[in-house]
């Protein structure tokens, strides 16, 4: 799980983008949403309810499109040239911004076909779900929190520290443009991929 979490992906892109444009705490909020989505899939699989996820595949497809549209919208906002930058790392993040980041991470994970395939098809090949006990479930949850959460938080901290070390606003604005393009491109990729 640690290796899979560390591989650059759309979830890493979202964590880095939010952290670079809204601050480290926002990147951590996105990481929380990603981990929560992973835990939902894990609990569905371990409880034998994976058939629910397969039954509601259309719902996950809608979630995928909503997550992609959110990334495109956020990316375009960062690319808008006349937009006054609202990046202020000294300012405390607003709770609605943190909630938006958390929801974006959650939607991205719930709509990720690779996550659905991994947790509902491949995960049971590694874990005997029929003989699981509460302690085993707890261990898997802790491993997920530490591996997936730890890696995503490390990305958030690295991106946030990188941006705060930029010498002036010009570089920050360039970073916003790069991040905006990357986010919009990621959203398009999410919507376009089968």
Protein backbone atom coordinates (compact mmCIF):
# COMPACT_ATOMS: atom_id res chain seq x y z
CA UNK A 1 0.00 0.00 0.00
CA UNK A 2 2.89 2.31 0.76
CA UNK A 3 4.35 1.90 -2.73
CA UNK A 4 0.97 2.32 -4.41
CA UNK A 5 0.29 5.48 -2.40
CA UNK A 6 3.69 6.95 -3.30
CA UNK A 7 3.37 6.47 -7.06
CA UNK A 8 2.43 9.80 -8.68
CA UNK A 9 -1.26 9.71 -9.51
CA UNK A 10 -4.33 11.91 -9.69
CA UNK A 11 -4.69 11.76 -5.92
CA UNK A 12 -1.10 12.93 -5.46
CA UNK A 13 -1.73 15.72 -7.97
CA UNK A 14 -4.77 16.89 -6.04
CA UNK A 15 -2.93 16.84 -2.70
CA UNK A 16 0.02 18.76 -4.15
CA UNK A 17 -2.20 21.28 -5.93
CA UNK A 18 -4.31 22.06 -2.86
CA UNK A 19 -1.26 22.28 -0.65
CA UNK A 20 0.58 24.54 -3.12
CA UNK A 21 -2.36 26.89 -3.63
CA UNK A 22 -4.21 26.79 -0.30
CA UNK A 23 -1.59 25.74 2.23
CA UNK A 24 -0.39 22.54 3.83
CA UNK A 25 -3.49 22.08 6.00
CA UNK A 26 -5.66 22.04 2.86
CA UNK A 27 -3.43 19.39 1.33
CA UNK A 28 -3.80 17.36 4.50
CA UNK A 29 -7.60 17.76 4.29
CA UNK A 30 -7.51 16.31 0.76
CA UNK A 31 -5.33 13.45 2.04
CA UNK A 32 -7.96 12.81 4.73
CA UNK A 33 -10.67 12.53 2.07
CA UNK A 34 -8.54 10.14 0.03
CA UNK A 35 -7.88 7.92 3.05
CA UNK A 36 -11.56 8.01 4.02
CA UNK A 37 -12.50 6.85 0.52
CA UNK A 38 -9.98 4.02 0.74
CA UNK A 39 -11.41 3.00 4.12
CA UNK A 40 -14.92 2.90 2.66
CA UNK A 41 -13.75 0.48 -0.02
CA UNK A 42 -11.84 -1.61 2.50
CA UNK A 43 -14.81 -1.87 4.85
CA UNK A 44 -17.13 -2.75 1.97
CA UNK A 45 -14.76 -5.50 0.90
CA UNK A 46 -14.08 -6.86 4.39
CA UNK A 47 -17.75 -6.89 5.31
CA UNK A 48 -18.61 -8.83 2.20
CA UNK A 49 -20.58 -5.93 0.75
CA UNK A 50 -18.43 -5.53 -2.34
CA UNK A 51 -21.49 -6.57 -4.37
CA UNK A 52 -23.02 -3.21 -3.35
CA UNK A 53 -20.19 -1.33 -4.99
CA UNK A 54 -20.51 -3.48 -8.10
CA UNK A 55 -24.29 -2.94 -8.12
CA UNK A 56 -23.90 0.82 -7.82
CA UNK A 57 -21.16 1.09 -10.44
CA UNK A 58 -23.19 3.83 -12.16
CA UNK A 59 -23.11 5.91 -8.99
CA UNK A 60 -19.33 5.60 -8.82
CA UNK A 61 -19.18 6.69 -12.46
CA UNK A 62 -21.17 9.83 -11.58
CA UNK A 63 -18.83 10.47 -8.65
CA UNK A 64 -15.88 10.07 -11.03
CA UNK A 65 -17.30 12.72 -13.37
CA UNK A 66 -18.10 15.09 -10.50
CA UNK A 67 -14.54 14.74 -9.20
CA UNK A 68 -13.13 15.38 -12.68
CA UNK A 69 -15.34 18.45 -13.18
CA UNK A 70 -14.28 19.80 -9.79
CA UNK A 71 -10.61 19.48 -10.74
CA UNK A 72 -11.21 21.20 -14.07
CA UNK A 73 -13.12 24.04 -12.41
CA UNK A 74 -10.46 24.53 -9.74
CA UNK A 75 -7.68 24.37 -12.32
CA UNK A 76 -9.38 26.96 -14.54
CA UNK A 77 -9.79 29.27 -11.57
CA UNK A 78 -6.05 29.09 -10.97
CA UNK A 79 -5.34 29.76 -14.65
CA UNK A 80 -7.55 32.86 -14.87
CA UNK A 81 -5.08 35.70 -15.56
CA UNK A 82 -7.15 38.53 -14.10
CA UNK A 83 -7.88 36.68 -10.92
CA UNK A 84 -6.49 38.30 -7.80
CA UNK A 85 -4.47 35.68 -6.00
CA UNK A 86 -6.01 34.55 -2.76
CA UNK A 87 -3.04 32.48 -1.70
CA UNK A 88 -2.06 33.63 1.75
CA UNK A 89 -0.19 31.11 3.83
CA UNK A 90 -0.14 33.31 6.91
CA UNK A 91 -3.93 33.30 7.03
CA UNK A 92 -5.82 30.51 8.77
CA UNK A 93 -7.71 28.30 6.32
CA UNK A 94 -11.48 28.57 6.33
CA UNK A 95 -13.36 25.49 7.43
CA UNK A 96 -15.38 25.40 4.20
CA UNK A 97 -12.11 25.32 2.23
CA UNK A 98 -10.94 22.37 4.34
CA UNK A 99 -14.28 20.64 3.85
CA UNK A 100 -14.09 21.25 0.09
CA UNK A 101 -10.61 19.71 0.04
CA UNK A 102 -11.76 16.71 2.06
CA UNK A 103 -14.76 16.16 -0.23
CA UNK A 104 -12.58 16.53 -3.34
CA UNK A 105 -10.23 13.82 -2.04
CA UNK A 106 -13.17 11.58 -1.15
CA UNK A 107 -14.90 12.02 -4.53
CA UNK A 108 -11.65 11.45 -6.37
CA UNK A 109 -11.10 8.15 -4.55
CA UNK A 110 -14.70 6.94 -4.80
CA UNK A 111 -14.72 7.67 -8.52
CA UNK A 112 -11.32 6.09 -9.19
CA UNK A 113 -11.89 2.95 -11.21
CA UNK A 114 -8.41 1.66 -10.25
CA UNK A 115 -9.31 1.93 -6.55
CA UNK A 116 -12.59 0.13 -7.14
CA UNK A 117 -10.86 -2.68 -9.03
CA UNK A 118 -8.07 -2.96 -6.47
CA UNK A 119 -10.20 -2.98 -3.34
CA UNK A 120 -13.12 -5.00 -4.66
CA UNK A 121 -11.29 -7.46 -6.91
CA UNK A 122 -7.58 -7.70 -6.08
CA UNK A 123 -7.65 -6.89 -2.35
CA UNK A 124 -9.68 -10.03 -1.53
CA UNK A 125 -7.01 -12.09 -3.31
CA UNK A 126 -4.48 -10.98 -0.67
CA UNK A 127 -6.82 -11.07 2.33
CA UNK A 128 -9.05 -13.97 3.34
CA UNK A 129 -12.15 -11.91 4.13
CA UNK A 130 -13.99 -14.99 5.40
CA UNK A 131 -11.67 -15.42 8.38
CA UNK A 132 -11.31 -11.74 9.32
CA UNK A 133 -11.74 -10.74 12.95
CA UNK A 134 -12.12 -7.27 14.45
CA UNK A 135 -8.41 -7.12 15.30
CA UNK A 136 -7.49 -7.94 11.70
CA UNK A 137 -9.79 -5.21 10.42
CA UNK A 138 -8.23 -2.76 12.87
CA UNK A 139 -4.73 -3.66 11.68
CA UNK A 140 -5.71 -3.14 8.05
CA UNK A 141 -7.26 0.24 8.92
CA UNK A 142 -4.09 1.29 10.78
CA UNK A 143 -1.90 0.17 7.87
CA UNK A 144 -4.07 2.19 5.48
CA UNK A 145 -3.99 5.28 7.70
CA UNK A 146 -0.21 5.11 8.08
CA UNK A 147 0.72 4.16 4.53
CA UNK A 148 -1.77 6.03 2.37
CA UNK A 149 -2.29 8.90 4.81
CA UNK A 150 1.38 9.21 5.65
CA UNK A 151 2.49 9.37 2.02
CA UNK A 152 -0.20 11.87 1.01
CA UNK A 153 0.57 14.07 4.02
CA UNK A 154 4.28 13.96 3.12
CA UNK A 155 3.38 15.18 -0.38
CA UNK A 156 1.23 17.96 1.13
CA UNK A 157 4.03 19.13 3.42
CA UNK A 158 6.64 19.03 0.65
CA UNK A 159 4.46 21.01 -1.77
CA UNK A 160 3.47 23.57 0.87
CA UNK A 161 7.05 24.13 1.99
CA UNK A 162 8.25 24.44 -1.60
CA UNK A 163 5.74 27.18 -2.39
CA UNK A 164 6.34 29.13 0.83
CA UNK A 165 10.05 29.27 0.00
CA UNK A 166 9.45 30.94 -3.35
CA UNK A 167 11.06 34.38 -3.26
CA UNK A 168 8.25 36.55 -4.54
CA UNK A 169 4.73 36.68 -5.88
CA UNK A 170 5.83 36.25 -9.50
CA UNK A 171 7.05 32.74 -8.80
CA UNK A 172 3.97 31.98 -6.74
CA UNK A 173 1.74 33.06 -9.62
CA UNK A 174 3.72 30.87 -12.00
CA UNK A 175 3.31 27.97 -9.58
CA UNK A 176 -0.45 28.63 -9.49
CA UNK A 177 -0.58 28.54 -13.30
CA UNK A 178 1.38 25.28 -13.47
CA UNK A 179 -0.78 23.79 -10.73
CA UNK A 180 -3.97 25.02 -12.42
CA UNK A 181 -2.95 23.48 -15.72
CA UNK A 182 -2.04 20.24 -14.02
CA UNK A 183 -5.36 20.13 -12.10
CA UNK A 184 -7.46 20.90 -15.19
CA UNK A 185 -5.52 18.30 -17.20
CA UNK A 186 -5.99 15.74 -14.44
CA UNK A 187 -9.74 16.44 -14.39
CA UNK A 188 -9.94 15.96 -18.16
CA UNK A 189 -7.93 12.74 -17.85
CA UNK A 190 -10.24 11.42 -15.12
CA UNK A 191 -13.34 12.11 -17.21
CA UNK A 192 -11.83 10.73 -20.43
CA UNK A 193 -10.27 7.53 -19.10
CA UNK A 194 -12.40 4.37 -19.35
